[in-house]
Amino acid sequence: MGDTELGFSAGTPKQHHLELMKVWPQLDTFSFTNIKNYSSFNYQKEVDLINDKFAEARDEIEMATEDAETVYFNESAETAREVTKDALDRWAKLLLSVDEETKNLLQRSMGLKMQQLKAELEQLDHLHE
């Protein structure tokens, strides 16, 4: 998926970063570390937030799974979908926001668990077919 598909125009790193900041839901997670080119930010706060969202999504999926044979399933499953989508969206935005080296590091450290989250949500969706 290219920058233009995400609503970014081609340009300098500073322009790209400023456009990314416009669409990022929580601008306070950015901490500029290189004022000259604006291309680097402290992503640790966002990683921490994604980890929190991951744990919340797993809890919601577990609760929805427990509700599978009850009248509460649809509501529980919808909550699980929303929280999971938020975690996965934040993950995707983070990967788009960092340089290739950092992206590879993040993929190695967190990529499998994010794939696990997708798989758990897919299993949930198959419970009530």
C-alpha atoms as a PDB file:
ATOM      1  CA  MET A   1       0.000   0.000   0.000  1.00  0.00           C
ATOM      2  CA  GLY A   2       1.623   3.232  -1.091  1.00  0.00           C
ATOM      3  CA  ASP A   3       1.590   6.620   0.542  1.00  0.00           C
ATOM      4  CA  THR A   4      -0.888   8.062  -1.937  1.00  0.00           C
ATOM      5  CA  GLU A   5      -3.387   5.274  -1.181  1.00  0.00           C
ATOM      6  CA  LEU A   6      -3.241   6.272   2.477  1.00  0.00           C
ATOM      7  CA  GLY A   7      -3.829   9.932   1.715  1.00  0.00           C
ATOM      8  CA  PHE A   8      -0.195  11.060   1.786  1.00  0.00           C
ATOM      9  CA  SER A   9       1.403  12.926  -1.044  1.00  0.00           C
ATOM     10  CA  ALA A  10       4.947  12.359  -2.178  1.00  0.00           C
ATOM     11  CA  GLY A  11       7.379  14.833  -0.714  1.00  0.00           C
ATOM     12  CA  THR A  12      10.174  15.408   1.705  1.00  0.00           C
ATOM     13  CA  PRO A  13      10.438  13.447   4.956  1.00  0.00           C
ATOM     14  CA  LYS A  14       9.268  16.562   6.800  1.00  0.00           C
ATOM     15  CA  GLN A  15       6.142  16.838   4.608  1.00  0.00           C
ATOM     16  CA  HIS A  16       5.454  13.117   4.969  1.00  0.00           C
ATOM     17  CA  HIS A  17       5.823  13.288   8.739  1.00  0.00           C
ATOM     18  CA  LEU A  18       3.576  16.341   9.034  1.00  0.00           C
ATOM     19  CA  GLU A  19       0.906  14.677   6.894  1.00  0.00           C
ATOM     20  CA  LEU A  20       1.165  11.510   8.989  1.00  0.00           C
ATOM     21  CA  MET A  21       0.665  13.568  12.124  1.00  0.00           C
ATOM     22  CA  LYS A  22      -2.621  14.890  10.694  1.00  0.00           C
ATOM     23  CA  VAL A  23      -4.097  11.403  10.526  1.00  0.00           C
ATOM     24  CA  TRP A  24      -2.545   9.915  13.653  1.00  0.00           C
ATOM     25  CA  PRO A  25      -5.238   9.590  16.332  1.00  0.00           C
ATOM     26  CA  GLN A  26      -3.082  10.544  19.286  1.00  0.00           C
ATOM     27  CA  LEU A  27      -0.589  13.219  18.399  1.00  0.00           C
ATOM     28  CA  ASP A  28       0.724  13.332  21.945  1.00  0.00           C
ATOM     29  CA  THR A  29       2.474   9.984  21.352  1.00  0.00           C
ATOM     30  CA  PHE A  30       5.033  11.727  19.132  1.00  0.00           C
ATOM     31  CA  SER A  31       8.277  12.996  20.547  1.00  0.00           C
ATOM     32  CA  PHE A  32      10.574  14.504  17.944  1.00  0.00           C
ATOM     33  CA  THR A  33      14.120  13.248  18.288  1.00  0.00           C
ATOM     34  CA  ASN A  34      15.569  14.788  15.152  1.00  0.00           C
ATOM     35  CA  ILE A  35      14.295  18.331  14.718  1.00  0.00           C
ATOM     36  CA  LYS A  36      16.179  18.896  11.446  1.00  0.00           C
ATOM     37  CA  ASN A  37      14.372  16.289   9.333  1.00  0.00           C
ATOM     38  CA  TYR A  38      11.329  15.473  11.484  1.00  0.00           C
ATOM     39  CA  SER A  39      11.514  11.876  10.299  1.00  0.00           C
ATOM     40  CA  SER A  40      12.229  10.245  13.623  1.00  0.00           C
ATOM     41  CA  PHE A  41       9.965   9.986  16.655  1.00  0.00           C
ATOM     42  CA  ASN A  42       9.884   8.098  19.900  1.00  0.00           C
ATOM     43  CA  TYR A  43       7.676   5.138  19.066  1.00  0.00           C
ATOM     44  CA  GLN A  44       7.947   3.451  22.476  1.00  0.00           C
ATOM     45  CA  LYS A  45       4.781   5.133  23.795  1.00  0.00           C
ATOM     46  CA  GLU A  46       2.855   3.827  20.785  1.00  0.00           C
ATOM     47  CA  VAL A  47       4.336   0.336  21.248  1.00  0.00           C
ATOM     48  CA  ASP A  48       3.215   0.406  24.886  1.00  0.00           C
ATOM     49  CA  LEU A  49      -0.265   1.520  23.835  1.00  0.00           C
ATOM     50  CA  ILE A  50      -0.440  -1.226  21.196  1.00  0.00           C
ATOM     51  CA  ASN A  51       0.596  -3.803  23.798  1.00  0.00           C
ATOM     52  CA  ASP A  52      -2.181  -2.561  26.081  1.00  0.00           C
ATOM     53  CA  LYS A  53      -4.686  -2.705  23.206  1.00  0.00           C
ATOM     54  CA  PHE A  54      -3.463  -6.204  22.341  1.00  0.00           C
ATOM     55  CA  ALA A  55      -4.117  -7.421  25.902  1.00  0.00           C
ATOM     56  CA  GLU A  56      -7.533  -5.740  25.940  1.00  0.00           C
ATOM     57  CA  ALA A  57      -8.445  -7.308  22.587  1.00  0.00           C
ATOM     58  CA  ARG A  58      -7.432 -10.780  23.769  1.00  0.00           C
ATOM     59  CA  ASP A  59      -9.572 -10.342  26.884  1.00  0.00           C
ATOM     60  CA  GLU A  60     -12.556  -9.216  24.809  1.00  0.00           C
ATOM     61  CA  ILE A  61     -12.137 -12.147  22.402  1.00  0.00           C
ATOM     62  CA  GLU A  62     -11.976 -14.542  25.350  1.00  0.00           C
ATOM     63  CA  MET A  63     -15.148 -13.067  26.875  1.00  0.00           C
ATOM     64  CA  ALA A  64     -16.956 -13.234  23.531  1.00  0.00           C
ATOM     65  CA  THR A  65     -15.872 -16.853  23.091  1.00  0.00           C
ATOM     66  CA  GLU A  66     -17.333 -17.660  26.501  1.00  0.00           C
ATOM     67  CA  ASP A  67     -20.594 -16.017  25.382  1.00  0.00           C
ATOM     68  CA  ALA A  68     -20.746 -18.086  22.168  1.00  0.00           C
ATOM     69  CA  GLU A  69     -23.897 -19.998  23.082  1.00  0.00           C
ATOM     70  CA  THR A  70     -25.668 -17.139  24.830  1.00  0.00           C
ATOM     71  CA  VAL A  71     -27.792 -14.167  23.827  1.00  0.00           C
ATOM     72  CA  TYR A  72     -24.834 -11.915  24.705  1.00  0.00           C
ATOM     73  CA  PHE A  73     -22.577 -13.251  21.939  1.00  0.00           C
ATOM     74  CA  ASN A  74     -23.342 -10.669  19.244  1.00  0.00           C
ATOM     75  CA  GLU A  75     -22.657  -7.732  21.539  1.00  0.00           C
ATOM     76  CA  SER A  76     -19.525  -9.340  22.999  1.00  0.00           C
ATOM     77  CA  ALA A  77     -18.231 -10.255  19.558  1.00  0.00           C
ATOM     78  CA  GLU A  78     -18.804  -6.721  18.253  1.00  0.00           C
ATOM     79  CA  THR A  79     -16.854  -5.259  21.183  1.00  0.00           C
ATOM     80  CA  ALA A  80     -14.045  -7.729  20.527  1.00  0.00           C
ATOM     81  CA  ARG A  81     -13.982  -6.779  16.832  1.00  0.00           C
ATOM     82  CA  GLU A  82     -13.795  -3.053  17.609  1.00  0.00           C
ATOM     83  CA  VAL A  83     -10.994  -3.383  20.147  1.00  0.00           C
ATOM     84  CA  THR A  84      -9.066  -5.767  17.892  1.00  0.00           C
ATOM     85  CA  LYS A  85      -9.464  -3.446  14.916  1.00  0.00           C
ATOM     86  CA  ASP A  86      -8.109  -0.564  16.985  1.00  0.00           C
ATOM     87  CA  ALA A  87      -5.040  -2.586  18.011  1.00  0.00           C
ATOM     88  CA  LEU A  88      -4.370  -3.787  14.456  1.00  0.00           C
ATOM     89  CA  ASP A  89      -4.907  -0.318  12.965  1.00  0.00           C
ATOM     90  CA  ARG A  90      -2.463   1.213  15.420  1.00  0.00           C
ATOM     91  CA  TRP A  91       0.037  -1.537  14.575  1.00  0.00           C
ATOM     92  CA  ALA A  92      -0.275  -0.836  10.847  1.00  0.00           C
ATOM     93  CA  LYS A  93       0.113   2.924  11.366  1.00  0.00           C
ATOM     94  CA  LEU A  94       3.176   2.388  13.529  1.00  0.00           C
ATOM     95  CA  LEU A  95       4.832   0.241  10.868  1.00  0.00           C
ATOM     96  CA  LEU A  96       4.171   2.962   8.288  1.00  0.00           C
ATOM     97  CA  SER A  97       5.691   5.577  10.589  1.00  0.00           C
ATOM     98  CA  VAL A  98       9.143   4.143  11.165  1.00  0.00           C
ATOM     99  CA  ASP A  99      12.205   3.530   9.053  1.00  0.00           C
ATOM    100  CA  GLU A 100      12.855   0.096   7.534  1.00  0.00           C
ATOM    101  CA  GLU A 101      15.309  -1.003  10.236  1.00  0.00           C
ATOM    102  CA  THR A 102      12.894  -0.136  13.042  1.00  0.00           C
ATOM    103  CA  LYS A 103      10.034  -1.746  11.135  1.00  0.00           C
ATOM    104  CA  ASN A 104      11.997  -5.002  10.867  1.00  0.00           C
ATOM    105  CA  LEU A 105      12.809  -4.878  14.581  1.00  0.00           C
ATOM    106  CA  LEU A 106       9.154  -4.313  15.451  1.00  0.00           C
ATOM    107  CA  GLN A 107       8.041  -7.103  13.114  1.00  0.00           C
ATOM    108  CA  ARG A 108      10.441  -9.527  14.820  1.00  0.00           C
ATOM    109  CA  SER A 109       9.399  -8.508  18.324  1.00  0.00           C
ATOM    110  CA  MET A 110       5.639  -8.049  17.871  1.00  0.00           C
ATOM    111  CA  GLY A 111       4.609  -9.333  14.470  1.00  0.00           C
ATOM    112  CA  LEU A 112       3.716 -12.870  15.531  1.00  0.00           C
ATOM    113  CA  LYS A 113       1.449 -11.774  18.338  1.00  0.00           C
ATOM    114  CA  MET A 114      -0.373  -9.368  16.032  1.00  0.00           C
ATOM    115  CA  GLN A 115      -0.911 -12.241  13.576  1.00  0.00           C
ATOM    116  CA  GLN A 116      -2.140 -14.335  16.513  1.00  0.00           C
ATOM    117  CA  LEU A 117      -4.670 -11.616  17.345  1.00  0.00           C
ATOM    118  CA  LYS A 118      -6.002 -11.684  13.769  1.00  0.00           C
ATOM    119  CA  ALA A 119      -6.301 -15.478  13.910  1.00  0.00           C
ATOM    120  CA  GLU A 120      -8.135 -15.415  17.246  1.00  0.00           C
ATOM    121  CA  LEU A 121     -10.636 -12.910  15.870  1.00  0.00           C
ATOM    122  CA  GLU A 122     -11.186 -15.106  12.801  1.00  0.00           C
ATOM    123  CA  GLN A 123     -11.876 -18.089  15.088  1.00  0.00           C
ATOM    124  CA  LEU A 124     -14.383 -15.975  17.000  1.00  0.00           C
ATOM    125  CA  ASP A 125     -16.136 -15.031  13.769  1.00  0.00           C
ATOM    126  CA  HIS A 126     -16.530 -18.738  12.916  1.00  0.00           C
ATOM    127  CA  LEU A 127     -18.146 -19.608  16.255  1.00  0.00           C
ATOM    128  CA  HIS A 128     -21.509 -18.190  15.380  1.00  0.00           C
ATOM    129  CA  GLU A 129     -21.958 -19.173  11.739  1.00  0.00           C
END
